[in-house]
Amino acid sequence: MTNTNATTLRKNLFSMLSDAIKYNETINVNTKEGNAVILSEEEYNGMMATLELSSNKVLREKILAGKDESLDECVSIDEVKW
């Protein structure tokens, strides 16, 4: 995570935005009124997807149960009936 202030952000805006997009670098901007965070759209969308999956109680329980299964216990694609 990169920590900066608004003045430095203004001076280096393009390169900081580029780092956020290319390298998923999170930028924490400190101001007198509080802090703000800049992150890539890809990182933001991933967080929103995780939040959505986690908010569904049934799906969350299935994911948590499935993470402890071995690969041998998982259904192979050939076994799925469409």
N, C-alpha and C. Protein backbone atom coordinates (compact mmCIF):
# COMPACT_ATOMS: atom_id res chain seq x y z
N MET A 1 0.85 -1.17 0.00
CA MET A 1 0.00 0.00 0.00
C MET A 1 0.90 1.23 0.00
N THR A 2 0.55 2.16 -0.84
CA THR A 2 1.27 3.43 -0.90
C THR A 2 0.51 4.45 -0.06
N ASN A 3 1.21 5.13 0.83
CA ASN A 3 0.62 6.20 1.62
C ASN A 3 1.13 7.53 1.08
N THR A 4 0.21 8.47 0.89
CA THR A 4 0.59 9.77 0.34
C THR A 4 -0.36 10.83 0.86
N ASN A 5 -0.07 12.07 0.55
CA ASN A 5 -1.00 13.16 0.86
C ASN A 5 -1.52 13.74 -0.44
N ALA A 6 -2.47 14.65 -0.34
CA ALA A 6 -3.13 15.18 -1.53
C ALA A 6 -2.16 15.94 -2.43
N THR A 7 -1.22 16.65 -1.85
CA THR A 7 -0.26 17.42 -2.64
C THR A 7 0.61 16.49 -3.49
N THR A 8 1.13 15.44 -2.87
CA THR A 8 1.97 14.49 -3.59
C THR A 8 1.14 13.73 -4.63
N LEU A 9 -0.09 13.41 -4.28
CA LEU A 9 -0.98 12.74 -5.24
C LEU A 9 -1.17 13.60 -6.49
N ARG A 10 -1.42 14.90 -6.29
CA ARG A 10 -1.60 15.81 -7.43
C ARG A 10 -0.36 15.83 -8.32
N LYS A 11 0.80 15.84 -7.72
CA LYS A 11 2.06 15.90 -8.49
C LYS A 11 2.30 14.61 -9.27
N ASN A 12 1.86 13.48 -8.72
CA ASN A 12 2.17 12.18 -9.30
C ASN A 12 0.92 11.39 -9.69
N LEU A 13 -0.15 12.10 -9.98
CA LEU A 13 -1.44 11.44 -10.19
C LEU A 13 -1.38 10.36 -11.27
N PHE A 14 -0.84 10.68 -12.44
CA PHE A 14 -0.85 9.71 -13.53
C PHE A 14 -0.08 8.46 -13.17
N SER A 15 1.13 8.60 -12.60
CA SER A 15 1.93 7.41 -12.27
C SER A 15 1.30 6.61 -11.14
N MET A 16 0.69 7.27 -10.18
CA MET A 16 0.03 6.54 -9.08
C MET A 16 -1.19 5.79 -9.59
N LEU A 17 -1.97 6.41 -10.47
CA LEU A 17 -3.11 5.72 -11.05
C LEU A 17 -2.64 4.54 -11.89
N SER A 18 -1.56 4.73 -12.61
CA SER A 18 -1.00 3.65 -13.42
C SER A 18 -0.58 2.47 -12.54
N ASP A 19 0.06 2.75 -11.40
CA ASP A 19 0.45 1.69 -10.47
C ASP A 19 -0.76 0.96 -9.91
N ALA A 20 -1.83 1.71 -9.63
CA ALA A 20 -3.05 1.08 -9.11
C ALA A 20 -3.65 0.15 -10.16
N ILE A 21 -3.64 0.57 -11.41
CA ILE A 21 -4.24 -0.23 -12.48
C ILE A 21 -3.36 -1.41 -12.86
N LYS A 22 -2.07 -1.16 -13.09
CA LYS A 22 -1.18 -2.22 -13.59
C LYS A 22 -0.79 -3.23 -12.51
N TYR A 23 -0.57 -2.76 -11.28
CA TYR A 23 -0.02 -3.61 -10.24
C TYR A 23 -0.96 -3.82 -9.06
N ASN A 24 -2.21 -3.39 -9.20
CA ASN A 24 -3.19 -3.47 -8.10
C ASN A 24 -2.66 -2.84 -6.82
N GLU A 25 -1.90 -1.78 -6.98
CA GLU A 25 -1.36 -1.05 -5.83
C GLU A 25 -2.49 -0.22 -5.21
N THR A 26 -2.67 -0.35 -3.91
CA THR A 26 -3.66 0.44 -3.19
C THR A 26 -2.98 1.72 -2.73
N ILE A 27 -3.66 2.85 -2.92
CA ILE A 27 -3.09 4.15 -2.55
C ILE A 27 -3.96 4.76 -1.46
N ASN A 28 -3.34 5.01 -0.32
CA ASN A 28 -4.02 5.63 0.81
C ASN A 28 -3.65 7.11 0.80
N VAL A 29 -4.65 7.97 0.65
CA VAL A 29 -4.41 9.41 0.58
C VAL A 29 -4.85 10.03 1.90
N ASN A 30 -3.89 10.62 2.61
CA ASN A 30 -4.15 11.25 3.90
C ASN A 30 -4.48 12.72 3.70
N THR A 31 -5.57 13.17 4.31
CA THR A 31 -5.93 14.59 4.26
C THR A 31 -6.27 15.06 5.67
N LYS A 32 -6.44 16.35 5.84
CA LYS A 32 -6.82 16.90 7.15
C LYS A 32 -8.20 16.41 7.58
N GLU A 33 -9.06 16.15 6.61
CA GLU A 33 -10.43 15.75 6.91
C GLU A 33 -10.61 14.25 7.04
N GLY A 34 -9.58 13.47 6.73
CA GLY A 34 -9.67 12.01 6.80
C GLY A 34 -8.89 11.40 5.66
N ASN A 35 -9.02 10.12 5.51
CA ASN A 35 -8.27 9.39 4.48
C ASN A 35 -9.21 8.89 3.39
N ALA A 36 -8.64 8.72 2.20
CA ALA A 36 -9.36 8.13 1.07
C ALA A 36 -8.47 7.05 0.48
N VAL A 37 -9.09 6.07 -0.16
CA VAL A 37 -8.33 4.97 -0.75
C VAL A 37 -8.62 4.91 -2.24
N ILE A 38 -7.56 4.76 -3.02
CA ILE A 38 -7.69 4.59 -4.47
C ILE A 38 -7.26 3.17 -4.80
N LEU A 39 -8.09 2.47 -5.55
CA LEU A 39 -7.73 1.13 -6.01
C LEU A 39 -8.25 0.92 -7.41
N SER A 40 -7.71 -0.10 -8.07
CA SER A 40 -8.10 -0.35 -9.46
C SER A 40 -9.54 -0.83 -9.54
N GLU A 41 -10.13 -0.65 -10.71
CA GLU A 41 -11.49 -1.14 -10.93
C GLU A 41 -11.54 -2.65 -10.76
N GLU A 42 -10.50 -3.34 -11.23
CA GLU A 42 -10.44 -4.80 -11.09
C GLU A 42 -10.47 -5.21 -9.61
N GLU A 43 -9.69 -4.52 -8.79
CA GLU A 43 -9.64 -4.81 -7.36
C GLU A 43 -11.00 -4.51 -6.71
N TYR A 44 -11.59 -3.38 -7.08
CA TYR A 44 -12.90 -2.99 -6.56
C TYR A 44 -13.96 -4.04 -6.93
N ASN A 45 -13.99 -4.45 -8.21
CA ASN A 45 -14.97 -5.45 -8.64
C ASN A 45 -14.78 -6.77 -7.91
N GLY A 46 -13.53 -7.16 -7.66
CA GLY A 46 -13.27 -8.38 -6.91
C GLY A 46 -13.79 -8.29 -5.49
N MET A 47 -13.60 -7.14 -4.86
CA MET A 47 -14.11 -6.95 -3.50
C MET A 47 -15.63 -7.00 -3.47
N MET A 48 -16.26 -6.38 -4.46
CA MET A 48 -17.73 -6.38 -4.51
C MET A 48 -18.27 -7.80 -4.75
N ALA A 49 -17.60 -8.57 -5.59
CA ALA A 49 -18.02 -9.95 -5.85
C ALA A 49 -17.88 -10.79 -4.58
N THR A 50 -16.77 -10.61 -3.87
CA THR A 50 -16.56 -11.34 -2.62
C THR A 50 -17.64 -10.97 -1.60
N LEU A 51 -17.94 -9.69 -1.52
CA LEU A 51 -18.98 -9.23 -0.59
C LEU A 51 -20.33 -9.82 -0.94
N GLU A 52 -20.65 -9.85 -2.23
CA GLU A 52 -21.92 -10.41 -2.67
C GLU A 52 -22.01 -11.90 -2.34
N LEU A 53 -20.94 -12.65 -2.62
CA LEU A 53 -20.93 -14.08 -2.31
C LEU A 53 -21.01 -14.32 -0.81
N SER A 54 -20.32 -13.51 -0.05
CA SER A 54 -20.30 -13.67 1.41
C SER A 54 -21.64 -13.31 2.05
N SER A 55 -22.40 -12.45 1.41
CA SER A 55 -23.67 -12.02 1.99
C SER A 55 -24.79 -13.04 1.79
N ASN A 56 -24.58 -14.01 0.90
CA ASN A 56 -25.56 -15.07 0.67
C ASN A 56 -25.23 -16.23 1.63
N LYS A 57 -26.06 -16.39 2.67
CA LYS A 57 -25.76 -17.34 3.74
C LYS A 57 -25.58 -18.77 3.22
N VAL A 58 -26.46 -19.23 2.37
CA VAL A 58 -26.39 -20.60 1.85
C VAL A 58 -25.12 -20.79 1.02
N LEU A 59 -24.85 -19.85 0.14
CA LEU A 59 -23.66 -19.94 -0.70
C LEU A 59 -22.39 -19.87 0.13
N ARG A 60 -22.38 -18.98 1.13
CA ARG A 60 -21.21 -18.85 2.00
C ARG A 60 -20.92 -20.17 2.72
N GLU A 61 -21.96 -20.83 3.21
CA GLU A 61 -21.78 -22.11 3.90
C GLU A 61 -21.25 -23.18 2.95
N LYS A 62 -21.73 -23.19 1.71
CA LYS A 62 -21.24 -24.16 0.73
C LYS A 62 -19.77 -23.91 0.40
N ILE A 63 -19.40 -22.65 0.25
CA ILE A 63 -18.01 -22.31 -0.04
C ILE A 63 -17.10 -22.73 1.11
N LEU A 64 -17.52 -22.42 2.34
CA LEU A 64 -16.71 -22.78 3.50
C LEU A 64 -16.59 -24.29 3.65
N ALA A 65 -17.67 -25.02 3.37
CA ALA A 65 -17.61 -26.49 3.45
C ALA A 65 -16.74 -27.05 2.34
N GLY A 66 -16.82 -26.47 1.17
CA GLY A 66 -16.07 -26.96 0.02
C GLY A 66 -14.58 -26.71 0.09
N LYS A 67 -14.16 -25.70 0.83
CA LYS A 67 -12.73 -25.38 0.87
C LYS A 67 -11.91 -26.46 1.56
N ASP A 68 -12.55 -27.29 2.38
CA ASP A 68 -11.84 -28.35 3.08
C ASP A 68 -11.89 -29.69 2.34
N GLU A 69 -12.61 -29.75 1.23
CA GLU A 69 -12.68 -31.00 0.46
C GLU A 69 -11.42 -31.18 -0.37
N SER A 70 -11.02 -32.43 -0.52
CA SER A 70 -9.87 -32.70 -1.40
C SER A 70 -10.35 -32.65 -2.85
N LEU A 71 -9.43 -32.53 -3.76
CA LEU A 71 -9.79 -32.48 -5.18
C LEU A 71 -10.47 -33.78 -5.62
N ASP A 72 -10.09 -34.90 -5.01
CA ASP A 72 -10.70 -36.18 -5.36
C ASP A 72 -12.19 -36.22 -5.01
N GLU A 73 -12.58 -35.44 -4.00
CA GLU A 73 -13.98 -35.42 -3.58
C GLU A 73 -14.85 -34.51 -4.45
N CYS A 74 -14.21 -33.65 -5.20
CA CYS A 74 -14.94 -32.70 -6.04
C CYS A 74 -15.51 -33.41 -7.27
N VAL A 75 -16.62 -32.90 -7.75
CA VAL A 75 -17.25 -33.45 -8.94
C VAL A 75 -16.44 -33.02 -10.16
N SER A 76 -16.11 -33.96 -11.01
CA SER A 76 -15.39 -33.58 -12.21
C SER A 76 -16.39 -33.04 -13.23
N ILE A 77 -15.91 -32.31 -14.18
CA ILE A 77 -16.76 -31.70 -15.21
C ILE A 77 -17.49 -32.76 -16.02
N ASP A 78 -16.89 -33.94 -16.13
CA ASP A 78 -17.53 -35.02 -16.89
C ASP A 78 -18.75 -35.59 -16.15
N GLU A 79 -18.82 -35.38 -14.84
CA GLU A 79 -19.91 -35.91 -14.04
C GLU A 79 -21.12 -34.97 -13.98
N VAL A 80 -20.94 -33.73 -14.42
CA VAL A 80 -22.01 -32.76 -14.35
C VAL A 80 -23.01 -33.05 -15.47
N LYS A 81 -24.28 -33.14 -15.11
CA LYS A 81 -25.34 -33.38 -16.08
C LYS A 81 -26.01 -32.04 -16.43
N TRP A 82 -25.88 -31.65 -17.69
CA TRP A 82 -26.45 -30.39 -18.12
C TRP A 82 -27.83 -30.65 -18.59
